[in-house]
Amino acid sequence: MKVVLVEILSEKKRLSQEYTVLCILEYLCFNSRNMPISKYHIITKVPGIRHQRPDRISYMMDTWETNGFVESIKTRNATFYKITNKGIEEYSQWIKKFLDFARMIGGKPLDTDN
């Protein structure tokens, strides 16, 4: 599936926490419906967040899980995340619109195949 992702301020090394967390949910919406995704996968594959500290990503994922937007699957070696129906509904209702707007006003699109 082709997803267009944009890095709002390419000169910044780190994006806002709000933008980052919404990008992660978007990525999960398109990529974790059938197969859970690890935090390492999120950090290395979601464009624009490679400069985020892993503890911030963990905090974001815990927050999403607490609110019912993702579910975690813990294994001996890693924790994997999968989006829930509630997460998909939130993305469809307002997150997609917000990200589209933020990308339109602030950056150049990066085409990635995901």
N, C-alpha and C. Protein backbone atom coordinates (compact mmCIF):
# COMPACT_ATOMS: atom_id res chain seq x y z
N MET A 1 0.85 -1.17 0.00
CA MET A 1 0.00 0.00 0.00
C MET A 1 0.89 1.23 0.00
N LYS A 2 0.55 2.20 -0.78
CA LYS A 2 1.35 3.42 -0.87
C LYS A 2 0.80 4.46 0.09
N VAL A 3 1.69 5.00 0.89
CA VAL A 3 1.32 6.01 1.86
C VAL A 3 2.24 7.20 1.63
N VAL A 4 1.67 8.38 1.56
CA VAL A 4 2.47 9.57 1.41
C VAL A 4 2.66 10.18 2.79
N LEU A 5 3.90 10.26 3.21
CA LEU A 5 4.22 10.83 4.51
C LEU A 5 5.10 12.05 4.29
N VAL A 6 4.96 13.02 5.15
CA VAL A 6 5.70 14.26 5.00
C VAL A 6 6.42 14.58 6.29
N GLU A 7 7.61 15.07 6.15
CA GLU A 7 8.34 15.59 7.30
C GLU A 7 8.10 17.08 7.29
N ILE A 8 7.37 17.60 8.28
CA ILE A 8 6.94 18.99 8.28
C ILE A 8 8.10 19.96 8.22
N LEU A 9 9.03 19.84 9.08
CA LEU A 9 10.16 20.76 9.10
C LEU A 9 11.43 19.95 8.91
N SER A 10 11.87 19.82 7.67
CA SER A 10 12.98 18.94 7.37
C SER A 10 14.27 19.37 8.04
N GLU A 11 14.40 20.65 8.36
CA GLU A 11 15.63 21.09 9.01
C GLU A 11 15.68 20.71 10.49
N LYS A 12 14.55 20.37 11.09
CA LYS A 12 14.52 19.94 12.48
C LYS A 12 14.85 18.46 12.55
N LYS A 13 15.56 18.08 13.59
CA LYS A 13 15.88 16.67 13.76
C LYS A 13 14.76 15.91 14.43
N ARG A 14 13.94 16.62 15.19
CA ARG A 14 12.87 15.94 15.92
C ARG A 14 11.57 16.69 15.72
N LEU A 15 10.54 15.96 15.39
CA LEU A 15 9.22 16.56 15.22
C LEU A 15 8.51 16.63 16.56
N SER A 16 7.43 17.39 16.62
CA SER A 16 6.68 17.50 17.87
C SER A 16 6.15 16.14 18.28
N GLN A 17 5.97 15.98 19.58
CA GLN A 17 5.45 14.72 20.09
C GLN A 17 4.06 14.45 19.53
N GLU A 18 3.24 15.49 19.42
CA GLU A 18 1.88 15.30 18.91
C GLU A 18 1.89 14.80 17.46
N TYR A 19 2.69 15.43 16.63
CA TYR A 19 2.76 15.02 15.23
C TYR A 19 3.31 13.60 15.13
N THR A 20 4.35 13.31 15.91
CA THR A 20 4.97 11.99 15.89
C THR A 20 3.99 10.91 16.28
N VAL A 21 3.26 11.12 17.35
CA VAL A 21 2.34 10.09 17.83
C VAL A 21 1.22 9.85 16.81
N LEU A 22 0.78 10.89 16.14
CA LEU A 22 -0.27 10.72 15.12
C LEU A 22 0.29 10.00 13.89
N CYS A 23 1.54 10.28 13.54
CA CYS A 23 2.16 9.57 12.41
C CYS A 23 2.31 8.08 12.72
N ILE A 24 2.65 7.78 13.97
CA ILE A 24 2.77 6.38 14.36
C ILE A 24 1.42 5.67 14.25
N LEU A 25 0.36 6.31 14.72
CA LEU A 25 -0.96 5.69 14.62
C LEU A 25 -1.34 5.50 13.16
N GLU A 26 -1.02 6.48 12.32
CA GLU A 26 -1.30 6.34 10.89
C GLU A 26 -0.55 5.15 10.31
N TYR A 27 0.72 5.02 10.66
CA TYR A 27 1.52 3.91 10.16
C TYR A 27 0.93 2.58 10.61
N LEU A 28 0.54 2.50 11.87
CA LEU A 28 -0.07 1.28 12.37
C LEU A 28 -1.39 0.98 11.66
N CYS A 29 -2.12 2.02 11.34
CA CYS A 29 -3.41 1.85 10.67
C CYS A 29 -3.22 1.13 9.33
N PHE A 30 -2.16 1.47 8.63
CA PHE A 30 -1.91 0.87 7.31
C PHE A 30 -1.08 -0.40 7.36
N ASN A 31 -0.32 -0.62 8.43
CA ASN A 31 0.64 -1.71 8.41
C ASN A 31 0.49 -2.76 9.50
N SER A 32 -0.38 -2.56 10.48
CA SER A 32 -0.46 -3.55 11.56
C SER A 32 -1.81 -4.23 11.67
N ARG A 33 -2.65 -4.09 10.68
CA ARG A 33 -3.97 -4.73 10.77
C ARG A 33 -3.86 -6.24 10.75
N ASN A 34 -2.93 -6.75 9.95
CA ASN A 34 -2.79 -8.20 9.81
C ASN A 34 -1.61 -8.78 10.57
N MET A 35 -0.60 -7.94 10.85
CA MET A 35 0.59 -8.43 11.51
C MET A 35 1.09 -7.38 12.50
N PRO A 36 1.23 -7.73 13.78
CA PRO A 36 1.73 -6.77 14.76
C PRO A 36 3.13 -6.28 14.41
N ILE A 37 3.47 -5.08 14.87
CA ILE A 37 4.73 -4.43 14.54
C ILE A 37 5.47 -4.09 15.82
N SER A 38 6.78 -4.30 15.81
CA SER A 38 7.61 -4.02 16.99
C SER A 38 7.95 -2.54 17.09
N LYS A 39 8.36 -2.12 18.29
CA LYS A 39 8.79 -0.74 18.49
C LYS A 39 10.00 -0.43 17.61
N TYR A 40 10.92 -1.39 17.47
CA TYR A 40 12.08 -1.20 16.60
C TYR A 40 11.63 -0.93 15.17
N HIS A 41 10.66 -1.69 14.71
CA HIS A 41 10.12 -1.50 13.36
C HIS A 41 9.53 -0.09 13.23
N ILE A 42 8.80 0.34 14.23
CA ILE A 42 8.20 1.68 14.20
C ILE A 42 9.29 2.74 14.10
N ILE A 43 10.31 2.64 14.94
CA ILE A 43 11.38 3.64 14.96
C ILE A 43 12.14 3.68 13.63
N THR A 44 12.35 2.53 13.02
CA THR A 44 13.16 2.50 11.79
C THR A 44 12.36 2.69 10.51
N LYS A 45 11.06 2.47 10.54
CA LYS A 45 10.27 2.52 9.30
C LYS A 45 9.35 3.73 9.16
N VAL A 46 8.94 4.36 10.25
CA VAL A 46 8.05 5.51 10.15
C VAL A 46 8.89 6.73 9.81
N PRO A 47 8.69 7.31 8.62
CA PRO A 47 9.50 8.45 8.21
C PRO A 47 9.39 9.62 9.19
N GLY A 48 10.52 10.24 9.45
CA GLY A 48 10.54 11.44 10.26
C GLY A 48 10.67 11.23 11.75
N ILE A 49 10.69 9.99 12.23
CA ILE A 49 10.77 9.82 13.69
C ILE A 49 12.04 9.13 14.13
N ARG A 50 12.98 8.92 13.26
CA ARG A 50 14.20 8.21 13.63
C ARG A 50 15.00 8.93 14.70
N HIS A 51 14.79 10.21 14.86
CA HIS A 51 15.53 10.97 15.86
C HIS A 51 14.81 11.06 17.19
N GLN A 52 13.68 10.38 17.31
CA GLN A 52 12.97 10.34 18.59
C GLN A 52 13.65 9.32 19.50
N ARG A 53 13.73 9.64 20.76
CA ARG A 53 14.29 8.70 21.72
C ARG A 53 13.36 7.51 21.89
N PRO A 54 13.91 6.30 22.01
CA PRO A 54 13.06 5.11 22.19
C PRO A 54 12.13 5.20 23.40
N ASP A 55 12.56 5.87 24.48
CA ASP A 55 11.67 5.97 25.64
C ASP A 55 10.45 6.83 25.33
N ARG A 56 10.60 7.83 24.45
CA ARG A 56 9.44 8.62 24.05
C ARG A 56 8.47 7.79 23.22
N ILE A 57 9.01 6.96 22.35
CA ILE A 57 8.16 6.08 21.55
C ILE A 57 7.43 5.11 22.48
N SER A 58 8.12 4.57 23.46
CA SER A 58 7.49 3.65 24.42
C SER A 58 6.35 4.34 25.15
N TYR A 59 6.60 5.57 25.59
CA TYR A 59 5.57 6.33 26.29
C TYR A 59 4.34 6.55 25.39
N MET A 60 4.59 6.90 24.13
CA MET A 60 3.49 7.12 23.19
C MET A 60 2.70 5.84 22.99
N MET A 61 3.39 4.72 22.83
CA MET A 61 2.70 3.46 22.60
C MET A 61 1.90 3.06 23.84
N ASP A 62 2.46 3.29 25.02
CA ASP A 62 1.72 2.99 26.26
C ASP A 62 0.46 3.84 26.36
N THR A 63 0.57 5.10 25.96
CA THR A 63 -0.59 6.00 25.98
C THR A 63 -1.66 5.52 25.01
N TRP A 64 -1.25 5.14 23.80
CA TRP A 64 -2.22 4.62 22.83
C TRP A 64 -2.90 3.38 23.38
N GLU A 65 -2.11 2.50 24.01
CA GLU A 65 -2.69 1.27 24.53
C GLU A 65 -3.65 1.56 25.69
N THR A 66 -3.27 2.45 26.59
CA THR A 66 -4.14 2.82 27.71
C THR A 66 -5.48 3.34 27.22
N ASN A 67 -5.47 4.05 26.11
CA ASN A 67 -6.69 4.63 25.55
C ASN A 67 -7.41 3.69 24.58
N GLY A 68 -6.87 2.50 24.38
CA GLY A 68 -7.56 1.50 23.57
C GLY A 68 -7.35 1.63 22.07
N PHE A 69 -6.36 2.40 21.63
CA PHE A 69 -6.14 2.58 20.20
C PHE A 69 -5.24 1.50 19.61
N VAL A 70 -4.40 0.90 20.44
CA VAL A 70 -3.56 -0.21 20.02
C VAL A 70 -3.59 -1.27 21.10
N GLU A 71 -3.22 -2.48 20.72
CA GLU A 71 -3.05 -3.55 21.70
C GLU A 71 -1.62 -4.04 21.58
N SER A 72 -1.05 -4.44 22.70
CA SER A 72 0.32 -4.94 22.67
C SER A 72 0.32 -6.46 22.83
N ILE A 73 1.31 -7.05 22.21
CA ILE A 73 1.53 -8.48 22.32
C ILE A 73 2.97 -8.64 22.79
N LYS A 74 3.13 -9.08 24.02
CA LYS A 74 4.46 -9.19 24.61
C LYS A 74 5.02 -10.58 24.37
N THR A 75 6.26 -10.61 23.90
CA THR A 75 6.98 -11.86 23.75
C THR A 75 8.22 -11.78 24.63
N ARG A 76 8.99 -12.81 24.62
CA ARG A 76 10.20 -12.81 25.44
C ARG A 76 11.22 -11.78 24.96
N ASN A 77 11.26 -11.52 23.68
CA ASN A 77 12.28 -10.65 23.11
C ASN A 77 11.81 -9.25 22.77
N ALA A 78 10.53 -9.04 22.58
CA ALA A 78 10.04 -7.73 22.15
C ALA A 78 8.55 -7.61 22.42
N THR A 79 8.08 -6.37 22.32
CA THR A 79 6.65 -6.10 22.40
C THR A 79 6.21 -5.67 21.01
N PHE A 80 5.11 -6.23 20.55
CA PHE A 80 4.57 -5.91 19.24
C PHE A 80 3.24 -5.19 19.42
N TYR A 81 2.91 -4.33 18.46
CA TYR A 81 1.70 -3.52 18.56
C TYR A 81 0.84 -3.73 17.34
N LYS A 82 -0.47 -3.72 17.60
CA LYS A 82 -1.46 -3.87 16.53
C LYS A 82 -2.57 -2.86 16.78
N ILE A 83 -3.00 -2.19 15.73
CA ILE A 83 -4.06 -1.19 15.89
C ILE A 83 -5.40 -1.88 16.18
N THR A 84 -6.22 -1.23 16.96
CA THR A 84 -7.54 -1.75 17.27
C THR A 84 -8.58 -1.06 16.38
N ASN A 85 -9.81 -1.56 16.44
CA ASN A 85 -10.88 -0.91 15.69
C ASN A 85 -11.08 0.53 16.16
N LYS A 86 -10.93 0.76 17.46
CA LYS A 86 -11.06 2.12 17.98
C LYS A 86 -9.98 3.03 17.39
N GLY A 87 -8.75 2.52 17.26
CA GLY A 87 -7.67 3.30 16.66
C GLY A 87 -7.95 3.62 15.20
N ILE A 88 -8.49 2.67 14.48
CA ILE A 88 -8.84 2.88 13.07
C ILE A 88 -9.95 3.93 12.96
N GLU A 89 -10.94 3.85 13.84
CA GLU A 89 -12.03 4.84 13.82
C GLU A 89 -11.52 6.25 14.10
N GLU A 90 -10.65 6.40 15.10
CA GLU A 90 -10.09 7.73 15.41
C GLU A 90 -9.29 8.26 14.24
N TYR A 91 -8.49 7.40 13.63
CA TYR A 91 -7.71 7.83 12.47
C TYR A 91 -8.64 8.31 11.36
N SER A 92 -9.67 7.55 11.09
CA SER A 92 -10.60 7.89 10.01
C SER A 92 -11.39 9.16 10.29
N GLN A 93 -11.74 9.40 11.56
CA GLN A 93 -12.59 10.54 11.90
C GLN A 93 -11.84 11.86 11.89
N TRP A 94 -10.63 11.92 12.44
CA TRP A 94 -9.98 13.23 12.54
C TRP A 94 -8.47 13.23 12.36
N ILE A 95 -7.79 12.16 12.67
CA ILE A 95 -6.33 12.16 12.60
C ILE A 95 -5.86 12.33 11.16
N LYS A 96 -6.46 11.60 10.23
CA LYS A 96 -6.07 11.72 8.83
C LYS A 96 -6.23 13.15 8.35
N LYS A 97 -7.32 13.80 8.69
CA LYS A 97 -7.55 15.18 8.26
C LYS A 97 -6.50 16.13 8.84
N PHE A 98 -6.18 15.94 10.11
CA PHE A 98 -5.18 16.79 10.75
C PHE A 98 -3.81 16.61 10.09
N LEU A 99 -3.40 15.35 9.88
CA LEU A 99 -2.09 15.11 9.27
C LEU A 99 -2.04 15.63 7.84
N ASP A 100 -3.10 15.46 7.08
CA ASP A 100 -3.14 15.99 5.71
C ASP A 100 -2.96 17.50 5.73
N PHE A 101 -3.64 18.17 6.65
CA PHE A 101 -3.53 19.63 6.77
C PHE A 101 -2.10 20.03 7.16
N ALA A 102 -1.55 19.38 8.18
CA ALA A 102 -0.21 19.72 8.65
C ALA A 102 0.82 19.51 7.55
N ARG A 103 0.67 18.47 6.78
CA ARG A 103 1.60 18.18 5.70
C ARG A 103 1.45 19.17 4.55
N MET A 104 0.23 19.57 4.29
CA MET A 104 -0.02 20.51 3.21
C MET A 104 0.65 21.85 3.49
N ILE A 105 0.59 22.32 4.73
CA ILE A 105 1.12 23.65 5.02
C ILE A 105 2.59 23.66 5.38
N GLY A 106 3.18 22.47 5.67
CA GLY A 106 4.51 22.55 6.21
C GLY A 106 5.61 21.73 5.60
N GLY A 107 5.40 20.99 4.55
CA GLY A 107 6.51 20.17 4.13
C GLY A 107 6.39 19.64 2.72
N LYS A 108 7.41 18.91 2.38
CA LYS A 108 7.47 18.26 1.08
C LYS A 108 7.10 16.80 1.27
N PRO A 109 6.25 16.26 0.40
CA PRO A 109 5.85 14.86 0.56
C PRO A 109 7.01 13.91 0.26
N LEU A 110 7.08 12.85 1.04
CA LEU A 110 8.03 11.78 0.80
C LEU A 110 7.22 10.57 0.45
N ASP A 111 7.36 10.06 -0.77
CA ASP A 111 6.62 8.87 -1.17
C ASP A 111 7.37 7.65 -0.65
N THR A 112 6.63 6.80 0.08
CA THR A 112 7.21 5.56 0.58
C THR A 112 6.23 4.45 0.31
N ASP A 113 6.75 3.29 -0.02
CA ASP A 113 5.89 2.12 -0.17
C ASP A 113 5.89 1.38 1.14
N ASN A 114 4.70 1.20 1.70
CA ASN A 114 4.56 0.50 2.98
C ASN A 114 3.48 -0.51 2.87
